[in-house]
Amino acid sequence: MMLPLVPPIVITQEQAPASVRALETLLREVGERVGVRLLADSTLAGARIVPPRQPLNDASRVEDWLNELVRNIPGGANWIKLWLPPPPRGKHWSGDDVVKYALSLAQLYGKVGAVQEGKSEILATQLPDGPAQSVKDALKLQPVYLLTRRGTRTFAGKWSATFGELTLDIHGNRVTGTYPSSEGVIEGTLIGDRLTFTWTEHGASGGQGWFVLSDDGESFTGKWGSGSEEPNKEWTGKRVY
């Protein structure tokens, strides 16, 4: 999945204005109003954001609105566009349902979900809008927009790291993680591409550390220390997914 990356805006609880909304609720309300399916997967569960300054009242503006929306998501995010038949009667898709489909396409054909002017991506194939329209009509395809942190420069995901496989989850600008060495646990705060954290292990006192994400989001470098010492030992990782 690919789209141009946008810089994250970190919003702390103390800074959050009264207009902050739950992302899931905002997407549902806006999608129903303009007749477009807008979904977020579980990588954005619990996300709260400042909505775009201009409300979306016209489906033709949905992509510009989404570009502004993802800039306001703490920790960063991305969106992809898929053309899909409507769900069967009685079936309601979740964001995770759609992302599983997108990841399957990506595994078979490479990157999916890109938006190119004058073209529509159908089954991982970019078709000119003219010929694509007959396919859309025949298959009753509708646009589905999926917001996700997958495929972006984010710490969220699994990493092959110095102390074994490291799993990191992001909620707002808070990060939690686990790794197998003595049941290790990480808790930290994200500011841009830098994660500052504390670590604890079963039977150990723990310490402090930091990671910095690479430009392509596929690796990180960092340091860790025990107790109150300054982090001075290497902790690196490469993305698994």
Protein backbone atom coordinates (compact mmCIF):
# COMPACT_ATOMS: atom_id res chain seq x y z
CA MET A 1 0.00 0.00 0.00
CA MET A 2 1.34 3.42 -0.78
CA LEU A 3 0.54 7.09 -0.62
CA PRO A 4 2.66 10.17 -0.03
CA LEU A 5 3.62 10.37 3.63
CA VAL A 6 2.45 13.26 5.74
CA PRO A 7 4.15 14.58 8.87
CA PRO A 8 2.39 13.63 12.12
CA ILE A 9 1.00 16.22 14.48
CA VAL A 10 1.32 15.18 18.11
CA ILE A 11 -1.47 16.38 20.39
CA THR A 12 -1.07 15.95 24.13
CA GLN A 13 -4.05 15.67 26.41
CA GLU A 14 -3.27 19.08 27.90
CA GLN A 15 -3.23 20.69 24.44
CA ALA A 16 -6.27 18.94 23.03
CA PRO A 17 -9.05 21.42 22.21
CA ALA A 18 -12.71 20.77 22.88
CA SER A 19 -13.25 19.97 19.16
CA VAL A 20 -11.27 16.72 19.35
CA ARG A 21 -13.41 13.83 18.07
CA ALA A 22 -13.21 10.05 18.11
CA LEU A 23 -11.92 9.08 14.65
CA GLU A 24 -14.29 6.13 14.23
CA THR A 25 -17.34 8.27 15.02
CA LEU A 26 -16.22 11.07 12.72
CA LEU A 27 -15.69 8.70 9.78
CA ARG A 28 -19.08 7.09 10.27
CA GLU A 29 -20.95 10.40 10.47
CA VAL A 30 -19.16 11.96 7.50
CA GLY A 31 -19.46 8.81 5.38
CA GLU A 32 -23.21 8.62 5.97
CA ARG A 33 -23.62 12.32 5.16
CA VAL A 34 -21.84 12.25 1.79
CA GLY A 35 -22.56 8.63 0.84
CA VAL A 36 -18.98 7.33 0.87
CA ARG A 37 -17.62 4.35 2.80
CA LEU A 38 -14.88 5.57 5.19
CA LEU A 39 -13.20 3.00 7.44
CA ALA A 40 -10.24 2.81 9.83
CA ASP A 41 -8.52 -0.41 10.86
CA SER A 42 -7.46 -1.45 14.36
CA THR A 43 -4.07 0.28 14.08
CA LEU A 44 -6.11 3.46 14.71
CA ALA A 45 -8.37 2.03 17.43
CA GLY A 46 -9.20 4.69 20.00
CA ALA A 47 -7.63 7.52 17.97
CA ARG A 48 -8.96 11.00 18.72
CA ILE A 49 -8.29 13.87 16.35
CA VAL A 50 -9.01 17.48 15.48
CA PRO A 51 -11.34 17.34 12.41
CA PRO A 52 -10.35 19.21 9.23
CA ARG A 53 -11.19 22.89 9.30
CA GLN A 54 -13.62 22.61 6.39
CA PRO A 55 -16.39 20.04 6.93
CA LEU A 56 -16.95 17.54 4.14
CA ASN A 57 -20.34 18.05 2.50
CA ASP A 58 -19.48 17.01 -1.06
CA ALA A 59 -18.20 13.54 -1.99
CA SER A 60 -16.03 15.06 -4.74
CA ARG A 61 -13.81 16.60 -2.03
CA VAL A 62 -13.34 13.44 0.00
CA GLU A 63 -9.68 12.89 -0.93
CA ASP A 64 -8.62 16.46 -0.10
CA TRP A 65 -10.51 16.11 3.19
CA LEU A 66 -8.74 12.83 3.98
CA ASN A 67 -5.33 14.38 3.25
CA GLU A 68 -6.00 17.03 5.89
CA LEU A 69 -7.51 14.49 8.26
CA VAL A 70 -4.44 12.22 8.34
CA ARG A 71 -2.20 15.21 9.06
CA ASN A 72 -4.17 15.68 12.28
CA ILE A 73 -3.83 12.08 13.49
CA PRO A 74 -1.27 11.81 16.32
CA GLY A 75 1.47 9.38 15.37
CA GLY A 76 0.71 9.69 11.65
CA ALA A 77 -1.51 7.66 9.33
CA ASN A 78 -2.21 6.98 5.69
CA TRP A 79 -5.17 6.15 3.49
CA ILE A 80 -5.80 3.94 0.49
CA LYS A 81 -8.66 3.77 -2.00
CA LEU A 82 -10.17 0.50 -3.18
CA TRP A 83 -12.99 -0.14 -5.63
CA LEU A 84 -15.17 -2.94 -4.23
CA PRO A 85 -18.67 -4.35 -4.74
CA PRO A 86 -21.04 -3.46 -1.89
CA PRO A 87 -21.07 -5.93 1.02
CA PRO A 88 -23.73 -8.67 0.86
CA ARG A 89 -27.05 -7.99 2.54
CA GLY A 90 -26.65 -8.16 6.32
CA LYS A 91 -22.85 -7.97 6.16
CA HIS A 92 -21.05 -4.95 7.62
CA TRP A 93 -17.34 -4.53 6.91
CA SER A 94 -14.84 -3.44 9.51
CA GLY A 95 -11.59 -1.70 8.65
CA ASP A 96 -9.73 -4.89 9.51
CA ASP A 97 -11.87 -6.86 7.02
CA VAL A 98 -10.85 -4.51 4.24
CA VAL A 99 -7.19 -4.32 5.22
CA LYS A 100 -6.93 -8.14 5.10
CA TYR A 101 -8.19 -8.01 1.51
CA ALA A 102 -5.77 -5.19 0.65
CA LEU A 103 -2.82 -7.05 2.18
CA SER A 104 -3.71 -10.17 0.19
CA LEU A 105 -3.68 -8.13 -3.02
CA ALA A 106 -0.38 -6.55 -2.01
CA GLN A 107 1.15 -9.97 -1.40
CA LEU A 108 0.10 -11.13 -4.86
CA TYR A 109 0.63 -7.99 -6.92
CA GLY A 110 2.74 -5.55 -4.90
CA LYS A 111 1.58 -2.18 -3.65
CA VAL A 112 -2.16 -1.47 -3.81
CA GLY A 113 -4.48 1.41 -2.99
CA ALA A 114 -2.59 4.17 -4.81
CA VAL A 115 -4.51 7.08 -6.30
CA GLN A 116 -3.51 8.37 -9.74
CA GLU A 117 -5.26 11.23 -11.50
CA GLY A 118 -7.33 10.02 -14.43
CA LYS A 119 -7.08 6.38 -13.41
CA SER A 120 -8.87 3.92 -11.14
CA GLU A 121 -7.17 0.95 -9.49
CA ILE A 122 -9.27 -2.18 -9.88
CA LEU A 123 -7.85 -5.53 -8.69
CA ALA A 124 -4.38 -3.97 -8.40
CA THR A 125 -4.54 -2.74 -12.02
CA GLN A 126 -4.54 0.94 -12.94
CA LEU A 127 -7.19 1.53 -15.62
CA PRO A 128 -7.96 4.84 -17.37
CA ASP A 129 -11.19 6.27 -15.97
CA GLY A 130 -13.03 5.81 -19.28
CA PRO A 131 -12.56 2.03 -19.66
CA ALA A 132 -12.71 1.62 -15.88
CA GLN A 133 -16.26 3.00 -15.75
CA SER A 134 -17.72 0.06 -17.67
CA VAL A 135 -16.02 -2.33 -15.22
CA LYS A 136 -17.38 -0.36 -12.25
CA ASP A 137 -20.87 -0.44 -13.70
CA ALA A 138 -20.76 -4.16 -14.49
CA LEU A 139 -19.47 -5.14 -11.04
CA LYS A 140 -21.31 -2.37 -9.13
CA LEU A 141 -17.98 -1.19 -7.70
CA GLN A 142 -17.97 1.57 -5.11
CA PRO A 143 -15.03 3.52 -3.63
CA VAL A 144 -13.92 2.39 -0.17
CA TYR A 145 -11.43 4.57 1.71
CA LEU A 146 -9.38 2.86 4.41
CA LEU A 147 -7.32 4.74 7.00
CA THR A 148 -4.43 2.84 8.54
CA ARG A 149 -1.01 3.19 10.07
CA ARG A 150 0.22 0.26 7.99
CA GLY A 151 2.64 1.23 5.24
CA THR A 152 3.49 4.56 6.87
CA ARG A 153 6.54 5.73 8.75
CA THR A 154 5.33 4.53 12.11
CA PHE A 155 6.67 2.51 15.04
CA ALA A 156 3.46 0.45 15.11
CA GLY A 157 4.02 -3.18 14.09
CA LYS A 158 6.44 -6.04 14.69
CA TRP A 159 10.22 -5.65 14.59
CA SER A 160 13.15 -8.06 14.48
CA ALA A 161 15.21 -6.37 17.18
CA THR A 162 18.23 -6.75 19.45
CA PHE A 163 16.29 -8.54 22.20
CA GLY A 164 13.98 -10.60 20.01
CA GLU A 165 10.74 -9.79 18.23
CA LEU A 166 9.44 -6.44 19.46
CA THR A 167 5.75 -5.59 19.10
CA LEU A 168 4.77 -1.93 19.38
CA ASP A 169 1.28 -0.40 19.53
CA ILE A 170 0.41 3.30 19.31
CA HIS A 171 -2.54 5.02 20.97
CA GLY A 172 -2.38 8.75 20.35
CA ASN A 173 1.20 9.66 21.23
CA ARG A 174 1.53 6.85 23.78
CA VAL A 175 3.40 3.69 22.80
CA THR A 176 3.35 0.28 24.49
CA GLY A 177 5.31 -2.79 23.51
CA THR A 178 6.51 -6.25 24.47
CA TYR A 179 9.55 -8.38 23.66
CA PRO A 180 10.48 -11.94 24.71
CA SER A 181 13.60 -11.27 26.81
CA SER A 182 12.45 -11.87 30.42
CA GLU A 183 8.88 -10.83 29.47
CA GLY A 184 10.07 -7.34 28.57
CA VAL A 185 7.63 -4.43 28.45
CA ILE A 186 8.09 -0.96 26.92
CA GLU A 187 6.05 2.16 27.70
CA GLY A 188 6.87 5.46 26.06
CA THR A 189 5.96 8.74 24.40
CA LEU A 190 6.21 9.50 20.70
CA ILE A 191 7.36 12.89 19.46
CA GLY A 192 7.74 12.88 15.68
CA ASP A 193 10.12 10.06 14.72
CA ARG A 194 11.61 9.73 18.23
CA LEU A 195 10.26 7.34 20.85
CA THR A 196 11.43 7.85 24.43
CA PHE A 197 10.54 4.97 26.74
CA THR A 198 11.05 3.04 29.94
CA TRP A 199 11.60 -0.71 29.88
CA THR A 200 11.01 -3.37 32.51
CA GLU A 201 11.73 -7.09 32.57
CA HIS A 202 10.57 -9.83 34.89
CA GLY A 203 12.98 -9.94 37.80
CA ALA A 204 14.86 -6.82 36.64
CA SER A 205 14.61 -3.18 37.71
CA GLY A 206 14.35 -1.82 34.18
CA GLY A 207 15.64 1.45 32.79
CA GLN A 208 15.26 4.04 30.07
CA GLY A 209 15.86 4.23 26.32
CA TRP A 210 15.03 5.84 23.02
CA PHE A 211 14.46 4.81 19.40
CA VAL A 212 14.62 6.91 16.22
CA LEU A 213 12.75 5.73 13.12
CA SER A 214 14.58 5.58 9.79
CA ASP A 215 13.50 7.75 6.86
CA ASP A 216 11.80 4.82 5.12
CA GLY A 217 10.16 3.52 8.30
CA GLU A 218 11.70 0.08 7.85
CA SER A 219 14.20 0.18 10.73
CA PHE A 220 15.10 2.03 13.92
CA THR A 221 18.24 2.77 15.88
CA GLY A 222 18.40 3.48 19.59
CA LYS A 223 20.04 3.19 22.96
CA TRP A 224 19.05 1.75 26.32
CA GLY A 225 20.40 1.90 29.87
CA SER A 226 19.78 0.16 33.19
CA GLY A 227 18.34 1.88 36.24
CA SER A 228 18.99 5.61 36.26
CA GLU A 229 21.97 5.50 33.88
CA GLU A 230 21.87 7.36 30.58
CA PRO A 231 21.02 5.09 27.63
CA ASN A 232 24.39 4.04 26.18
CA LYS A 233 23.95 0.52 24.75
CA GLU A 234 22.61 -0.20 21.26
CA TRP A 235 19.07 -1.41 20.58
CA THR A 236 18.18 -1.64 16.88
CA GLY A 237 15.47 -3.27 14.83
CA LYS A 238 14.19 -4.01 11.34
CA ARG A 239 10.51 -4.15 10.44
CA VAL A 240 8.80 -7.52 10.12
CA TYR A 241 5.48 -5.89 9.20
